[in-house]
Amino acid sequence: MMKKLKIAYQGVPGSYSYQAMHEHFGENIESINKPLFGDVFETVENGDVDFGIIPFENSTTGGVYEVFDLLVSSTALIVGERCIEVKHNLLGIKGSSIDDIKTVYSHQQALDQCSRFIRGRGLSPIPTTNTAISAKLVKDKQDKSCAAIGSEMAGKLYDLEVLATGINNYFNNITKFIIIGTNPVMSDDKDKISLYFTTPHKPGALYSSLGIFAKNDINLLKLISRPTRNTPWAYSYFVDVEGNLGAKNVTAALKELEDLCPKFKILGNYKAHNIDV
């Protein structure tokens, strides 16, 4: 009998991380839930699980920047990704109606993604660490004036009614989750590379850095700047490019970039995942 994979995720059953985990790894796994993103990284780094899964980026509200920062300091690498369509619902206790709701709980990203609905109904938003934790909180409170924003799965798991569905600000609301691990395996089908680097503080430094990709015929997929820790008004860059670490043009480009940049780290090489909605 094959040993079950052990996977760590942030939140509780019914969260979008929980959904993404099962879509990526299937049902025949052993899962461990952790309260914080940092706890998932630590569990992976310590070898207590095979992989962790963490929300990384949303198509409407952008990156989960705490996770970006954790990647820089962690020994865990990105070994895969999973995209899921996120359809937010307003979840209340049995017997409540949408007109009863005064306060809504959810993760800050979910609150941001549903901000028009929240403002339109004059609700008071209260952030929590996870959408499914919010659903559990509403169930435990048994207060008709309180609701959570979360998945239909969370509503079913915590015996809540869907009071409104599709309350996202935008359609095609997709969240990308990264799979992290400490033992990456090289293979030819890995077609995406995530990088972190800083640039010298001089004119044209970023231009020169990005020009390396163009010179080596490498397609740039994403560029995000983040404040550099402990250095006010200095910035770090997170970049995604197409490619495989075994390709000669990629090897040449990354060697040149590493030589140019004061700080440089390969965050992972993995197979991209995309969905059509």
C-alpha atoms as a PDB file:
ATOM      1  CA  MET A   1       0.000   0.000   0.000  1.00  0.00           C
ATOM      2  CA  MET A   2       1.305   3.418  -0.952  1.00  0.00           C
ATOM      3  CA  LYS A   3       1.918   5.815   1.887  1.00  0.00           C
ATOM      4  CA  LYS A   4      -0.565   8.693   1.958  1.00  0.00           C
ATOM      5  CA  LEU A   5       0.864  12.119   1.288  1.00  0.00           C
ATOM      6  CA  LYS A   6       0.740  14.393   4.322  1.00  0.00           C
ATOM      7  CA  ILE A   7      -0.310  17.952   3.420  1.00  0.00           C
ATOM      8  CA  ALA A   8      -0.442  21.090   5.590  1.00  0.00           C
ATOM      9  CA  TYR A   9      -2.861  23.922   4.851  1.00  0.00           C
ATOM     10  CA  GLN A  10      -3.889  27.132   6.593  1.00  0.00           C
ATOM     11  CA  GLY A  11      -7.378  27.370   8.045  1.00  0.00           C
ATOM     12  CA  VAL A  12     -10.006  24.739   8.763  1.00  0.00           C
ATOM     13  CA  PRO A  13     -12.082  22.343   6.615  1.00  0.00           C
ATOM     14  CA  GLY A  14     -14.250  24.273   4.187  1.00  0.00           C
ATOM     15  CA  SER A  15     -11.657  26.961   3.444  1.00  0.00           C
ATOM     16  CA  TYR A  16     -10.582  27.698  -0.115  1.00  0.00           C
ATOM     17  CA  SER A  17      -7.150  26.288   0.801  1.00  0.00           C
ATOM     18  CA  TYR A  18      -8.890  23.054   1.795  1.00  0.00           C
ATOM     19  CA  GLN A  19     -10.708  22.992  -1.549  1.00  0.00           C
ATOM     20  CA  ALA A  20      -7.528  23.708  -3.535  1.00  0.00           C
ATOM     21  CA  MET A  21      -5.644  21.028  -1.607  1.00  0.00           C
ATOM     22  CA  HIS A  22      -8.144  18.333  -2.546  1.00  0.00           C
ATOM     23  CA  GLU A  23      -8.364  19.504  -6.152  1.00  0.00           C
ATOM     24  CA  HIS A  24      -4.586  19.267  -6.467  1.00  0.00           C
ATOM     25  CA  PHE A  25      -3.774  16.161  -4.425  1.00  0.00           C
ATOM     26  CA  GLY A  26      -7.091  14.271  -4.468  1.00  0.00           C
ATOM     27  CA  GLU A  27      -8.923  12.753  -1.524  1.00  0.00           C
ATOM     28  CA  ASN A  28      -6.479  10.000  -0.546  1.00  0.00           C
ATOM     29  CA  ILE A  29      -4.261  12.209   1.634  1.00  0.00           C
ATOM     30  CA  GLU A  30      -3.638  13.004   5.283  1.00  0.00           C
ATOM     31  CA  SER A  31      -4.210  16.699   5.914  1.00  0.00           C
ATOM     32  CA  ILE A  32      -3.053  18.884   8.784  1.00  0.00           C
ATOM     33  CA  ASN A  33      -4.583  22.312   9.303  1.00  0.00           C
ATOM     34  CA  LYS A  34      -2.585  25.189  10.758  1.00  0.00           C
ATOM     35  CA  PRO A  35      -3.812  28.584  12.029  1.00  0.00           C
ATOM     36  CA  LEU A  36      -1.209  30.777  10.299  1.00  0.00           C
ATOM     37  CA  PHE A  37       0.695  30.876   6.995  1.00  0.00           C
ATOM     38  CA  GLY A  38       3.988  30.842   8.892  1.00  0.00           C
ATOM     39  CA  ASP A  39       2.924  27.652  10.675  1.00  0.00           C
ATOM     40  CA  VAL A  40       2.478  25.900   7.321  1.00  0.00           C
ATOM     41  CA  PHE A  41       5.975  26.949   6.227  1.00  0.00           C
ATOM     42  CA  GLU A  42       7.464  25.783   9.529  1.00  0.00           C
ATOM     43  CA  THR A  43       5.724  22.410   9.302  1.00  0.00           C
ATOM     44  CA  VAL A  44       7.110  21.879   5.794  1.00  0.00           C
ATOM     45  CA  GLU A  45      10.612  23.041   6.754  1.00  0.00           C
ATOM     46  CA  ASN A  46      10.677  20.648   9.730  1.00  0.00           C
ATOM     47  CA  GLY A  47       9.772  17.689   7.527  1.00  0.00           C
ATOM     48  CA  ASP A  48       6.542  16.995   9.401  1.00  0.00           C
ATOM     49  CA  VAL A  49       4.586  16.949   6.120  1.00  0.00           C
ATOM     50  CA  ASP A  50       5.361  16.267   2.468  1.00  0.00           C
ATOM     51  CA  PHE A  51       3.931  19.530   1.153  1.00  0.00           C
ATOM     52  CA  GLY A  52       2.088  22.665   2.177  1.00  0.00           C
ATOM     53  CA  ILE A  53      -0.487  24.637   0.223  1.00  0.00           C
ATOM     54  CA  ILE A  54      -0.873  28.403   0.639  1.00  0.00           C
ATOM     55  CA  PRO A  55      -2.923  31.128  -1.111  1.00  0.00           C
ATOM     56  CA  PHE A  56      -0.534  33.299  -3.103  1.00  0.00           C
ATOM     57  CA  GLU A  57      -2.355  35.656  -5.417  1.00  0.00           C
ATOM     58  CA  ASN A  58      -5.859  36.706  -6.439  1.00  0.00           C
ATOM     59  CA  SER A  59      -6.841  37.934  -9.881  1.00  0.00           C
ATOM     60  CA  THR A  60      -8.704  40.972  -8.519  1.00  0.00           C
ATOM     61  CA  THR A  61      -7.013  41.936  -5.228  1.00  0.00           C
ATOM     62  CA  GLY A  62      -3.420  40.921  -5.955  1.00  0.00           C
ATOM     63  CA  GLY A  63      -0.834  39.120  -3.870  1.00  0.00           C
ATOM     64  CA  VAL A  64      -0.950  37.697  -0.368  1.00  0.00           C
ATOM     65  CA  TYR A  65       2.184  39.602   0.548  1.00  0.00           C
ATOM     66  CA  GLU A  66       2.813  37.881   3.863  1.00  0.00           C
ATOM     67  CA  VAL A  67       3.408  34.728   1.837  1.00  0.00           C
ATOM     68  CA  PHE A  68       5.779  36.551  -0.527  1.00  0.00           C
ATOM     69  CA  ASP A  69       7.881  37.616   2.450  1.00  0.00           C
ATOM     70  CA  LEU A  70       7.836  34.124   3.987  1.00  0.00           C
ATOM     71  CA  LEU A  71       9.168  32.644   0.739  1.00  0.00           C
ATOM     72  CA  VAL A  72      12.243  34.882   0.902  1.00  0.00           C
ATOM     73  CA  SER A  73      13.317  33.644   4.346  1.00  0.00           C
ATOM     74  CA  SER A  74      12.135  30.029   4.069  1.00  0.00           C
ATOM     75  CA  THR A  75      14.054  26.950   2.965  1.00  0.00           C
ATOM     76  CA  ALA A  76      10.834  25.686   1.369  1.00  0.00           C
ATOM     77  CA  LEU A  77      10.453  26.210  -2.373  1.00  0.00           C
ATOM     78  CA  ILE A  78       7.490  26.492  -4.720  1.00  0.00           C
ATOM     79  CA  VAL A  79       7.051  23.053  -6.322  1.00  0.00           C
ATOM     80  CA  GLY A  80       3.602  23.549  -7.887  1.00  0.00           C
ATOM     81  CA  GLU A  81       0.553  25.760  -8.149  1.00  0.00           C
ATOM     82  CA  ARG A  82      -3.222  25.382  -8.287  1.00  0.00           C
ATOM     83  CA  CYS A  83      -5.777  27.916  -9.482  1.00  0.00           C
ATOM     84  CA  ILE A  84      -9.411  27.767  -8.391  1.00  0.00           C
ATOM     85  CA  GLU A  85     -12.388  29.947  -9.186  1.00  0.00           C
ATOM     86  CA  VAL A  86     -13.601  31.667  -6.030  1.00  0.00           C
ATOM     87  CA  LYS A  87     -17.339  32.310  -5.732  1.00  0.00           C
ATOM     88  CA  HIS A  88     -18.102  34.067  -2.488  1.00  0.00           C
ATOM     89  CA  ASN A  89     -21.347  33.580  -0.584  1.00  0.00           C
ATOM     90  CA  LEU A  90     -22.971  35.349   2.358  1.00  0.00           C
ATOM     91  CA  LEU A  91     -23.522  32.671   5.011  1.00  0.00           C
ATOM     92  CA  GLY A  92     -25.866  33.050   7.989  1.00  0.00           C
ATOM     93  CA  ILE A  93     -27.328  30.780  10.652  1.00  0.00           C
ATOM     94  CA  LYS A  94     -30.504  28.835  10.020  1.00  0.00           C
ATOM     95  CA  GLY A  95     -33.569  31.055  10.192  1.00  0.00           C
ATOM     96  CA  SER A  96     -31.716  34.294   9.426  1.00  0.00           C
ATOM     97  CA  SER A  97     -32.389  36.476   6.394  1.00  0.00           C
ATOM     98  CA  ILE A  98     -30.185  38.858   4.460  1.00  0.00           C
ATOM     99  CA  ASP A  99     -31.995  41.812   6.047  1.00  0.00           C
ATOM    100  CA  ASP A 100     -30.995  40.597   9.535  1.00  0.00           C
ATOM    101  CA  ILE A 101     -27.273  40.875   8.812  1.00  0.00           C
ATOM    102  CA  LYS A 102     -25.360  43.777  10.335  1.00  0.00           C
ATOM    103  CA  THR A 103     -21.839  42.326  10.736  1.00  0.00           C
ATOM    104  CA  VAL A 104     -19.847  40.184   8.315  1.00  0.00           C
ATOM    105  CA  TYR A 105     -16.716  38.158   9.072  1.00  0.00           C
ATOM    106  CA  SER A 106     -14.110  36.851   6.630  1.00  0.00           C
ATOM    107  CA  HIS A 107     -10.474  36.912   5.616  1.00  0.00           C
ATOM    108  CA  GLN A 108      -9.372  40.412   4.577  1.00  0.00           C
ATOM    109  CA  GLN A 109      -8.886  39.296   0.967  1.00  0.00           C
ATOM    110  CA  ALA A 110     -12.466  38.019   0.800  1.00  0.00           C
ATOM    111  CA  LEU A 111     -13.782  41.226   2.381  1.00  0.00           C
ATOM    112  CA  ASP A 112     -11.865  43.242  -0.223  1.00  0.00           C
ATOM    113  CA  GLN A 113     -13.188  41.049  -3.038  1.00  0.00           C
ATOM    114  CA  CYS A 114     -16.775  41.672  -1.860  1.00  0.00           C
ATOM    115  CA  SER A 115     -16.377  45.315  -0.823  1.00  0.00           C
ATOM    116  CA  ARG A 116     -19.139  46.632  -3.103  1.00  0.00           C
ATOM    117  CA  PHE A 117     -21.687  44.226  -1.642  1.00  0.00           C
ATOM    118  CA  ILE A 118     -20.580  45.043   1.907  1.00  0.00           C
ATOM    119  CA  ARG A 119     -20.792  48.809   1.380  1.00  0.00           C
ATOM    120  CA  GLY A 120     -24.045  48.542  -0.553  1.00  0.00           C
ATOM    121  CA  ARG A 121     -25.768  46.836   2.358  1.00  0.00           C
ATOM    122  CA  GLY A 122     -24.094  48.960   5.047  1.00  0.00           C
ATOM    123  CA  LEU A 123     -22.458  45.975   6.756  1.00  0.00           C
ATOM    124  CA  SER A 124     -19.625  46.187   9.285  1.00  0.00           C
ATOM    125  CA  PRO A 125     -16.715  44.020   8.052  1.00  0.00           C
ATOM    126  CA  ILE A 126     -14.516  42.236  10.597  1.00  0.00           C
ATOM    127  CA  PRO A 127     -11.403  40.438   9.280  1.00  0.00           C
ATOM    128  CA  THR A 128     -10.425  36.970  10.471  1.00  0.00           C
ATOM    129  CA  THR A 129      -7.595  34.612   9.563  1.00  0.00           C
ATOM    130  CA  ASN A 130      -9.637  32.441   7.198  1.00  0.00           C
ATOM    131  CA  THR A 131     -13.009  32.273   5.406  1.00  0.00           C
ATOM    132  CA  ALA A 132     -13.973  28.912   6.885  1.00  0.00           C
ATOM    133  CA  ILE A 133     -12.941  30.003  10.373  1.00  0.00           C
ATOM    134  CA  SER A 134     -15.385  32.871   9.860  1.00  0.00           C
ATOM    135  CA  ALA A 135     -18.141  30.391   9.006  1.00  0.00           C
ATOM    136  CA  LYS A 136     -17.391  28.389  12.154  1.00  0.00           C
ATOM    137  CA  LEU A 137     -17.414  31.609  14.194  1.00  0.00           C
ATOM    138  CA  VAL A 138     -20.869  32.547  12.878  1.00  0.00           C
ATOM    139  CA  LYS A 139     -22.174  29.070  13.615  1.00  0.00           C
ATOM    140  CA  ASP A 140     -20.838  29.211  17.179  1.00  0.00           C
ATOM    141  CA  LYS A 141     -22.225  32.717  17.823  1.00  0.00           C
ATOM    142  CA  GLN A 142     -25.778  31.767  16.739  1.00  0.00           C
ATOM    143  CA  ASP A 143     -26.537  35.443  16.174  1.00  0.00           C
ATOM    144  CA  LYS A 144     -28.908  36.303  13.309  1.00  0.00           C
ATOM    145  CA  SER A 145     -27.193  39.656  12.797  1.00  0.00           C
ATOM    146  CA  CYS A 146     -23.856  38.012  11.964  1.00  0.00           C
ATOM    147  CA  ALA A 147     -22.760  36.397   8.706  1.00  0.00           C
ATOM    148  CA  ALA A 148     -19.603  35.065   7.088  1.00  0.00           C
ATOM    149  CA  ILE A 149     -18.289  35.332   3.559  1.00  0.00           C
ATOM    150  CA  GLY A 150     -17.057  31.991   2.312  1.00  0.00           C
ATOM    151  CA  SER A 151     -17.562  29.018   0.047  1.00  0.00           C
ATOM    152  CA  GLU A 152     -20.685  26.967  -0.402  1.00  0.00           C
ATOM    153  CA  MET A 153     -18.666  24.049   1.003  1.00  0.00           C
ATOM    154  CA  ALA A 154     -18.034  26.010   4.213  1.00  0.00           C
ATOM    155  CA  GLY A 155     -21.742  26.726   4.489  1.00  0.00           C
ATOM    156  CA  LYS A 156     -22.579  23.036   4.271  1.00  0.00           C
ATOM    157  CA  LEU A 157     -19.858  21.972   6.699  1.00  0.00           C
ATOM    158  CA  TYR A 158     -20.957  24.477   9.355  1.00  0.00           C
ATOM    159  CA  ASP A 159     -24.713  24.145   8.737  1.00  0.00           C
ATOM    160  CA  LEU A 160     -25.204  27.706   7.519  1.00  0.00           C
ATOM    161  CA  GLU A 161     -27.666  29.058   4.979  1.00  0.00           C
ATOM    162  CA  VAL A 162     -26.555  30.787   1.798  1.00  0.00           C
ATOM    163  CA  LEU A 163     -28.223  34.198   2.068  1.00  0.00           C
ATOM    164  CA  ALA A 164     -26.640  35.624  -1.095  1.00  0.00           C
ATOM    165  CA  THR A 165     -24.392  34.091  -3.731  1.00  0.00           C
ATOM    166  CA  GLY A 166     -21.950  35.486  -6.270  1.00  0.00           C
ATOM    167  CA  ILE A 167     -21.250  38.583  -4.176  1.00  0.00           C
ATOM    168  CA  ASN A 168     -17.744  39.135  -5.594  1.00  0.00           C
ATOM    169  CA  ASN A 169     -16.967  42.563  -7.011  1.00  0.00           C
ATOM    170  CA  TYR A 170     -15.936  40.924 -10.270  1.00  0.00           C
ATOM    171  CA  PHE A 171     -16.613  37.731 -12.164  1.00  0.00           C
ATOM    172  CA  ASN A 172     -13.660  35.469 -13.041  1.00  0.00           C
ATOM    173  CA  ASN A 173     -12.359  35.758  -9.488  1.00  0.00           C
ATOM    174  CA  ILE A 174      -9.452  33.310  -9.417  1.00  0.00           C
ATOM    175  CA  THR A 175      -7.096  32.564  -6.553  1.00  0.00           C
ATOM    176  CA  LYS A 176      -3.716  30.965  -7.167  1.00  0.00           C
ATOM    177  CA  PHE A 177      -2.333  28.656  -4.478  1.00  0.00           C
ATOM    178  CA  ILE A 178       1.283  27.560  -4.316  1.00  0.00           C
ATOM    179  CA  ILE A 179       2.494  24.128  -3.286  1.00  0.00           C
ATOM    180  CA  ILE A 180       5.631  24.338  -1.145  1.00  0.00           C
ATOM    181  CA  GLY A 181       8.139  21.588  -0.390  1.00  0.00           C
ATOM    182  CA  THR A 182      11.793  21.040   0.453  1.00  0.00           C
ATOM    183  CA  ASN A 183      12.669  18.336  -2.074  1.00  0.00           C
ATOM    184  CA  PRO A 184      12.016  19.674  -5.585  1.00  0.00           C
ATOM    185  CA  VAL A 185      12.424  17.209  -8.451  1.00  0.00           C
ATOM    186  CA  MET A 186      13.709  18.394 -11.808  1.00  0.00           C
ATOM    187  CA  SER A 187      11.602  17.481 -14.843  1.00  0.00           C
ATOM    188  CA  ASP A 188      11.196  18.751 -18.389  1.00  0.00           C
ATOM    189  CA  ASP A 189       7.510  19.659 -17.936  1.00  0.00           C
ATOM    190  CA  LYS A 190       8.256  22.418 -15.410  1.00  0.00           C
ATOM    191  CA  ASP A 191       7.629  25.618 -17.349  1.00  0.00           C
ATOM    192  CA  LYS A 192       7.482  28.438 -14.798  1.00  0.00           C
ATOM    193  CA  ILE A 193      10.150  29.975 -12.571  1.00  0.00           C
ATOM    194  CA  SER A 194       9.599  32.309  -9.606  1.00  0.00           C
ATOM    195  CA  LEU A 195      12.458  34.598  -8.569  1.00  0.00           C
ATOM    196  CA  TYR A 196      13.296  37.164  -5.897  1.00  0.00           C
ATOM    197  CA  PHE A 197      15.984  39.810  -6.273  1.00  0.00           C
ATOM    198  CA  THR A 198      17.073  43.309  -5.324  1.00  0.00           C
ATOM    199  CA  THR A 199      18.866  45.770  -7.584  1.00  0.00           C
ATOM    200  CA  PRO A 200      21.781  48.160  -7.021  1.00  0.00           C
ATOM    201  CA  HIS A 201      20.696  51.665  -6.082  1.00  0.00           C
ATOM    202  CA  LYS A 202      21.704  53.356  -9.339  1.00  0.00           C
ATOM    203  CA  PRO A 203      19.987  54.618 -12.518  1.00  0.00           C
ATOM    204  CA  GLY A 204      18.836  51.915 -14.900  1.00  0.00           C
ATOM    205  CA  ALA A 205      19.375  49.025 -12.464  1.00  0.00           C
ATOM    206  CA  LEU A 206      15.893  47.548 -12.832  1.00  0.00           C
ATOM    207  CA  TYR A 207      15.961  48.162 -16.598  1.00  0.00           C
ATOM    208  CA  SER A 208      19.249  46.267 -16.859  1.00  0.00           C
ATOM    209  CA  SER A 209      17.938  43.399 -14.738  1.00  0.00           C
ATOM    210  CA  LEU A 210      14.776  42.912 -16.764  1.00  0.00           C
ATOM    211  CA  GLY A 211      16.697  43.307 -20.015  1.00  0.00           C
ATOM    212  CA  ILE A 212      18.508  40.069 -19.231  1.00  0.00           C
ATOM    213  CA  PHE A 213      15.275  38.160 -19.820  1.00  0.00           C
ATOM    214  CA  ALA A 214      14.635  39.839 -23.174  1.00  0.00           C
ATOM    215  CA  LYS A 215      18.236  39.238 -24.270  1.00  0.00           C
ATOM    216  CA  ASN A 216      17.852  35.527 -23.535  1.00  0.00           C
ATOM    217  CA  ASP A 217      14.398  35.228 -25.153  1.00  0.00           C
ATOM    218  CA  ILE A 218      12.612  34.550 -21.836  1.00  0.00           C
ATOM    219  CA  ASN A 219       9.009  35.693 -21.409  1.00  0.00           C
ATOM    220  CA  LEU A 220       8.280  37.780 -18.310  1.00  0.00           C
ATOM    221  CA  LEU A 221       4.978  36.741 -16.693  1.00  0.00           C
ATOM    222  CA  LYS A 222       4.838  38.901 -13.559  1.00  0.00           C
ATOM    223  CA  LEU A 223       6.721  41.705 -11.828  1.00  0.00           C
ATOM    224  CA  ILE A 224       5.838  42.839  -8.290  1.00  0.00           C
ATOM    225  CA  SER A 225       7.802  45.217  -6.074  1.00  0.00           C
ATOM    226  CA  ARG A 226       7.839  44.946  -2.275  1.00  0.00           C
ATOM    227  CA  PRO A 227       9.480  47.117   0.386  1.00  0.00           C
ATOM    228  CA  THR A 228      12.777  45.598   1.496  1.00  0.00           C
ATOM    229  CA  ARG A 229      12.781  44.640   5.150  1.00  0.00           C
ATOM    230  CA  ASN A 230      14.789  46.884   7.497  1.00  0.00           C
ATOM    231  CA  THR A 231      15.713  49.267   4.654  1.00  0.00           C
ATOM    232  CA  PRO A 232      13.205  52.139   4.306  1.00  0.00           C
ATOM    233  CA  TRP A 233      12.360  53.152   0.726  1.00  0.00           C
ATOM    234  CA  ALA A 234      14.314  50.301  -0.813  1.00  0.00           C
ATOM    235  CA  TYR A 235      12.444  47.692  -2.853  1.00  0.00           C
ATOM    236  CA  SER A 236      12.701  44.026  -3.733  1.00  0.00           C
ATOM    237  CA  TYR A 237      11.248  42.363  -6.801  1.00  0.00           C
ATOM    238  CA  PHE A 238       9.286  39.175  -7.283  1.00  0.00           C
ATOM    239  CA  VAL A 239       9.305  37.943 -10.858  1.00  0.00           C
ATOM    240  CA  ASP A 240       7.714  35.007 -12.678  1.00  0.00           C
ATOM    241  CA  VAL A 241       9.130  33.940 -16.031  1.00  0.00           C
ATOM    242  CA  GLU A 242       8.495  31.121 -18.467  1.00  0.00           C
ATOM    243  CA  GLY A 243      11.196  28.481 -18.559  1.00  0.00           C
ATOM    244  CA  ASN A 244      12.903  25.432 -17.123  1.00  0.00           C
ATOM    245  CA  LEU A 245      16.045  25.511 -15.000  1.00  0.00           C
ATOM    246  CA  GLY A 246      17.573  22.904 -17.284  1.00  0.00           C
ATOM    247  CA  ALA A 247      17.396  25.143 -20.366  1.00  0.00           C
ATOM    248  CA  LYS A 248      20.644  26.807 -21.500  1.00  0.00           C
ATOM    249  CA  ASN A 249      19.098  30.242 -22.027  1.00  0.00           C
ATOM    250  CA  VAL A 250      17.575  30.142 -18.544  1.00  0.00           C
ATOM    251  CA  THR A 251      20.855  29.054 -16.952  1.00  0.00           C
ATOM    252  CA  ALA A 252      22.700  31.893 -18.689  1.00  0.00           C
ATOM    253  CA  ALA A 253      20.090  34.504 -17.757  1.00  0.00           C
ATOM    254  CA  LEU A 254      19.916  33.541 -14.087  1.00  0.00           C
ATOM    255  CA  LYS A 255      23.702  33.467 -13.764  1.00  0.00           C
ATOM    256  CA  GLU A 256      23.904  36.998 -15.196  1.00  0.00           C
ATOM    257  CA  LEU A 257      21.056  38.208 -12.960  1.00  0.00           C
ATOM    258  CA  GLU A 258      22.634  36.697  -9.849  1.00  0.00           C
ATOM    259  CA  ASP A 259      25.944  38.404 -10.630  1.00  0.00           C
ATOM    260  CA  LEU A 260      24.184  41.755 -11.086  1.00  0.00           C
ATOM    261  CA  CYS A 261      21.836  41.737  -8.070  1.00  0.00           C
ATOM    262  CA  PRO A 262      22.873  42.223  -4.414  1.00  0.00           C
ATOM    263  CA  LYS A 263      20.244  39.661  -3.359  1.00  0.00           C
ATOM    264  CA  PHE A 264      18.978  36.854  -5.557  1.00  0.00           C
ATOM    265  CA  LYS A 265      16.958  33.698  -4.885  1.00  0.00           C
ATOM    266  CA  ILE A 266      15.201  31.115  -7.020  1.00  0.00           C
ATOM    267  CA  LEU A 267      11.861  30.548  -5.281  1.00  0.00           C
ATOM    268  CA  GLY A 268      10.900  27.554  -7.419  1.00  0.00           C
ATOM    269  CA  ASN A 269      10.575  25.937 -10.845  1.00  0.00           C
ATOM    270  CA  TYR A 270       7.258  24.202 -11.388  1.00  0.00           C
ATOM    271  CA  LYS A 271       4.473  23.492 -13.835  1.00  0.00           C
ATOM    272  CA  ALA A 272       2.044  26.367 -14.340  1.00  0.00           C
ATOM    273  CA  HIS A 273      -1.651  25.737 -13.758  1.00  0.00           C
ATOM    274  CA  ASN A 274      -4.367  27.740 -15.504  1.00  0.00           C
ATOM    275  CA  ILE A 275      -8.154  27.445 -15.634  1.00  0.00           C
ATOM    276  CA  ASP A 276     -10.774  28.768 -18.024  1.00  0.00           C
ATOM    277  CA  VAL A 277     -13.832  30.391 -16.402  1.00  0.00           C
END
